[in-house]
Amino acid sequence: MRLQMHAVKFTADQSLLDFIQAKLNKLDTFHDRIIGAEVFLRLEGADSNKVKEKVVEVRLTIPGKELFVKEHDKSFESATDRVLDVLKDKLVRCKEKRSDFSSPAITEAKSRVQEDEVFEPDEL
């Protein structure tokens, strides 16, 4: 997975960047076709002298879709954990939808519906 991190209007510590990268690398276990991720770290309320909250935004790219999650918290680490929980759920749902089309039960049901729709001229 290609990962880009951006700290907006501040310099992020290398340990924070390593923490986020390690957490995002674990997402490969939930979806095997992740193309890349883009992370934005922001300080909310940075205009004044006191920073109120820290914001983590993640844009995750998978084939055919782009997932976006934004979370606020007191620290970047806890916001990252909250973002990952939401992304895990979204990735699992996307993968289930993708695999539903190739499941044997759906393929069999589709073939049965198509067979039932064939009308003989005598029946009309």
C-alpha atoms as a PDB file:
ATOM      1  CA  MET A   1       0.000   0.000   0.000  1.00  0.00           C
ATOM      2  CA  ARG A   2       1.247   3.455  -0.933  1.00  0.00           C
ATOM      3  CA  LEU A   3       0.926   5.788   2.055  1.00  0.00           C
ATOM      4  CA  GLN A   4       1.223   9.578   2.110  1.00  0.00           C
ATOM      5  CA  MET A   5       1.061  11.606   5.322  1.00  0.00           C
ATOM      6  CA  HIS A   6       0.524  15.346   5.569  1.00  0.00           C
ATOM      7  CA  ALA A   7       0.788  17.427   8.730  1.00  0.00           C
ATOM      8  CA  VAL A   8      -1.105  20.656   8.049  1.00  0.00           C
ATOM      9  CA  LYS A   9       0.540  23.800   9.498  1.00  0.00           C
ATOM     10  CA  PHE A  10       2.765  21.905  11.961  1.00  0.00           C
ATOM     11  CA  THR A  11       5.616  19.401  11.971  1.00  0.00           C
ATOM     12  CA  ALA A  12       4.644  15.907  13.087  1.00  0.00           C
ATOM     13  CA  ASP A  13       6.969  13.822  15.230  1.00  0.00           C
ATOM     14  CA  GLN A  14       8.507  10.785  13.532  1.00  0.00           C
ATOM     15  CA  SER A  15       7.185   8.474  16.266  1.00  0.00           C
ATOM     16  CA  LEU A  16       3.626   9.653  15.494  1.00  0.00           C
ATOM     17  CA  LEU A  17       4.118   9.003  11.775  1.00  0.00           C
ATOM     18  CA  ASP A  18       5.522   5.527  12.507  1.00  0.00           C
ATOM     19  CA  PHE A  19       2.560   4.781  14.793  1.00  0.00           C
ATOM     20  CA  ILE A  20       0.050   5.762  12.104  1.00  0.00           C
ATOM     21  CA  GLN A  21       1.886   3.800   9.425  1.00  0.00           C
ATOM     22  CA  ALA A  22       2.000   0.662  11.578  1.00  0.00           C
ATOM     23  CA  LYS A  23      -1.738   0.929  12.272  1.00  0.00           C
ATOM     24  CA  LEU A  24      -2.662   1.503   8.620  1.00  0.00           C
ATOM     25  CA  ASN A  25      -0.528  -1.420   7.473  1.00  0.00           C
ATOM     26  CA  LYS A  26      -2.797  -3.698   9.519  1.00  0.00           C
ATOM     27  CA  LEU A  27      -5.743  -2.818   7.257  1.00  0.00           C
ATOM     28  CA  ASP A  28      -4.370  -5.215   4.634  1.00  0.00           C
ATOM     29  CA  THR A  29      -5.789  -8.075   6.704  1.00  0.00           C
ATOM     30  CA  PHE A  30      -9.340  -6.763   6.148  1.00  0.00           C
ATOM     31  CA  HIS A  31      -9.125  -6.034   2.413  1.00  0.00           C
ATOM     32  CA  ASP A  32      -6.466  -7.473   0.121  1.00  0.00           C
ATOM     33  CA  ARG A  33      -6.709  -4.904  -2.675  1.00  0.00           C
ATOM     34  CA  ILE A  34      -5.937  -1.590  -0.947  1.00  0.00           C
ATOM     35  CA  ILE A  35      -4.148   0.667  -3.421  1.00  0.00           C
ATOM     36  CA  GLY A  36      -3.100   3.531  -1.186  1.00  0.00           C
ATOM     37  CA  ALA A  37      -3.907   5.864   1.658  1.00  0.00           C
ATOM     38  CA  GLU A  38      -3.554   9.559   2.281  1.00  0.00           C
ATOM     39  CA  VAL A  39      -3.495  10.840   5.872  1.00  0.00           C
ATOM     40  CA  PHE A  40      -4.030  14.447   6.942  1.00  0.00           C
ATOM     41  CA  LEU A  41      -3.184  15.535  10.491  1.00  0.00           C
ATOM     42  CA  ARG A  42      -4.694  18.847  11.605  1.00  0.00           C
ATOM     43  CA  LEU A  43      -4.824  20.898  14.779  1.00  0.00           C
ATOM     44  CA  GLU A  44      -8.308  22.270  15.372  1.00  0.00           C
ATOM     45  CA  GLY A  45      -8.324  25.668  17.009  1.00  0.00           C
ATOM     46  CA  ALA A  46      -4.718  26.342  15.995  1.00  0.00           C
ATOM     47  CA  ASP A  47      -5.667  29.912  15.086  1.00  0.00           C
ATOM     48  CA  SER A  48      -5.784  30.785  18.757  1.00  0.00           C
ATOM     49  CA  ASN A  49      -2.953  29.995  21.170  1.00  0.00           C
ATOM     50  CA  LYS A  50      -4.713  26.936  22.580  1.00  0.00           C
ATOM     51  CA  VAL A  51      -5.229  23.803  20.467  1.00  0.00           C
ATOM     52  CA  LYS A  52      -8.658  22.332  21.222  1.00  0.00           C
ATOM     53  CA  GLU A  53      -8.657  19.006  19.374  1.00  0.00           C
ATOM     54  CA  LYS A  54      -6.575  16.977  16.987  1.00  0.00           C
ATOM     55  CA  VAL A  55      -8.083  15.785  13.716  1.00  0.00           C
ATOM     56  CA  VAL A  56      -7.075  12.735  11.688  1.00  0.00           C
ATOM     57  CA  GLU A  57      -8.469  12.348   8.170  1.00  0.00           C
ATOM     58  CA  VAL A  58      -7.787   9.251   6.083  1.00  0.00           C
ATOM     59  CA  ARG A  59      -8.645   8.794   2.405  1.00  0.00           C
ATOM     60  CA  LEU A  60      -8.268   5.115   1.492  1.00  0.00           C
ATOM     61  CA  THR A  61      -8.286   4.025  -2.149  1.00  0.00           C
ATOM     62  CA  ILE A  62      -9.494   0.583  -3.211  1.00  0.00           C
ATOM     63  CA  PRO A  63     -10.457  -0.504  -6.734  1.00  0.00           C
ATOM     64  CA  GLY A  64     -13.627   1.285  -7.736  1.00  0.00           C
ATOM     65  CA  LYS A  65     -14.032   3.203  -4.466  1.00  0.00           C
ATOM     66  CA  GLU A  66     -12.523   5.807  -2.229  1.00  0.00           C
ATOM     67  CA  LEU A  67     -13.250   5.661   1.500  1.00  0.00           C
ATOM     68  CA  PHE A  68     -12.939   8.786   3.655  1.00  0.00           C
ATOM     69  CA  VAL A  69     -13.010   8.960   7.449  1.00  0.00           C
ATOM     70  CA  LYS A  70     -12.485  11.966   9.709  1.00  0.00           C
ATOM     71  CA  GLU A  71     -12.223  11.787  13.514  1.00  0.00           C
ATOM     72  CA  HIS A  72     -11.522  14.289  16.306  1.00  0.00           C
ATOM     73  CA  ASP A  73      -9.979  13.519  19.693  1.00  0.00           C
ATOM     74  CA  LYS A  74      -7.624  14.830  22.366  1.00  0.00           C
ATOM     75  CA  SER A  75      -4.612  13.031  20.874  1.00  0.00           C
ATOM     76  CA  PHE A  76      -3.627  11.889  17.410  1.00  0.00           C
ATOM     77  CA  GLU A  77      -3.164   8.312  18.624  1.00  0.00           C
ATOM     78  CA  SER A  78      -6.707   7.954  19.951  1.00  0.00           C
ATOM     79  CA  ALA A  79      -8.152   9.662  16.860  1.00  0.00           C
ATOM     80  CA  THR A  80      -6.167   7.232  14.692  1.00  0.00           C
ATOM     81  CA  ASP A  81      -7.611   4.285  16.611  1.00  0.00           C
ATOM     82  CA  ARG A  82     -11.140   5.599  16.074  1.00  0.00           C
ATOM     83  CA  VAL A  83     -10.462   6.119  12.345  1.00  0.00           C
ATOM     84  CA  LEU A  84      -9.179   2.560  12.039  1.00  0.00           C
ATOM     85  CA  ASP A  85     -12.283   1.110  13.692  1.00  0.00           C
ATOM     86  CA  VAL A  86     -14.512   2.863  11.167  1.00  0.00           C
ATOM     87  CA  LEU A  87     -12.255   1.911   8.235  1.00  0.00           C
ATOM     88  CA  LYS A  88     -12.234  -1.755   9.286  1.00  0.00           C
ATOM     89  CA  ASP A  89     -16.034  -1.821   9.216  1.00  0.00           C
ATOM     90  CA  LYS A  90     -16.181  -0.091   5.834  1.00  0.00           C
ATOM     91  CA  LEU A  91     -13.547  -2.389   4.326  1.00  0.00           C
ATOM     92  CA  VAL A  92     -15.294  -5.527   5.547  1.00  0.00           C
ATOM     93  CA  ARG A  93     -18.605  -4.288   4.089  1.00  0.00           C
ATOM     94  CA  CYS A  94     -16.963  -3.480   0.747  1.00  0.00           C
ATOM     95  CA  LYS A  95     -15.304  -6.869   0.590  1.00  0.00           C
ATOM     96  CA  GLU A  96     -18.544  -8.671   1.461  1.00  0.00           C
ATOM     97  CA  LYS A  97     -20.382  -6.821  -1.296  1.00  0.00           C
ATOM     98  CA  ARG A  98     -17.659  -7.722  -3.767  1.00  0.00           C
ATOM     99  CA  SER A  99     -17.644 -11.396  -2.815  1.00  0.00           C
ATOM    100  CA  ASP A 100     -21.468 -11.651  -2.846  1.00  0.00           C
ATOM    101  CA  PHE A 101     -21.491 -11.487  -6.629  1.00  0.00           C
ATOM    102  CA  SER A 102     -19.256 -14.520  -6.956  1.00  0.00           C
ATOM    103  CA  SER A 103     -20.778 -16.658  -4.209  1.00  0.00           C
ATOM    104  CA  PRO A 104     -22.212 -19.982  -5.396  1.00  0.00           C
ATOM    105  CA  ALA A 105     -25.648 -19.330  -3.853  1.00  0.00           C
ATOM    106  CA  ILE A 106     -26.140 -16.083  -5.764  1.00  0.00           C
ATOM    107  CA  THR A 107     -24.871 -17.558  -9.011  1.00  0.00           C
ATOM    108  CA  GLU A 108     -27.299 -20.487  -8.638  1.00  0.00           C
ATOM    109  CA  ALA A 109     -30.212 -18.180  -7.826  1.00  0.00           C
ATOM    110  CA  LYS A 110     -29.494 -16.014 -10.848  1.00  0.00           C
ATOM    111  CA  SER A 111     -29.408 -19.043 -13.143  1.00  0.00           C
ATOM    112  CA  ARG A 112     -32.732 -20.291 -11.739  1.00  0.00           C
ATOM    113  CA  VAL A 113     -34.381 -16.917 -12.316  1.00  0.00           C
ATOM    114  CA  GLN A 114     -33.135 -16.812 -15.892  1.00  0.00           C
ATOM    115  CA  GLU A 115     -34.433 -20.352 -16.559  1.00  0.00           C
ATOM    116  CA  ASP A 116     -37.874 -19.482 -15.144  1.00  0.00           C
ATOM    117  CA  GLU A 117     -38.189 -16.458 -17.416  1.00  0.00           C
ATOM    118  CA  VAL A 118     -38.026 -18.491 -20.620  1.00  0.00           C
ATOM    119  CA  PHE A 119     -41.561 -18.786 -22.001  1.00  0.00           C
ATOM    120  CA  GLU A 120     -42.728 -21.382 -24.456  1.00  0.00           C
ATOM    121  CA  PRO A 121     -44.949 -20.110 -27.296  1.00  0.00           C
ATOM    122  CA  ASP A 122     -47.781 -22.437 -26.197  1.00  0.00           C
ATOM    123  CA  GLU A 123     -47.938 -20.865 -22.721  1.00  0.00           C
ATOM    124  CA  LEU A 124     -48.690 -17.376 -24.045  1.00  0.00           C
END
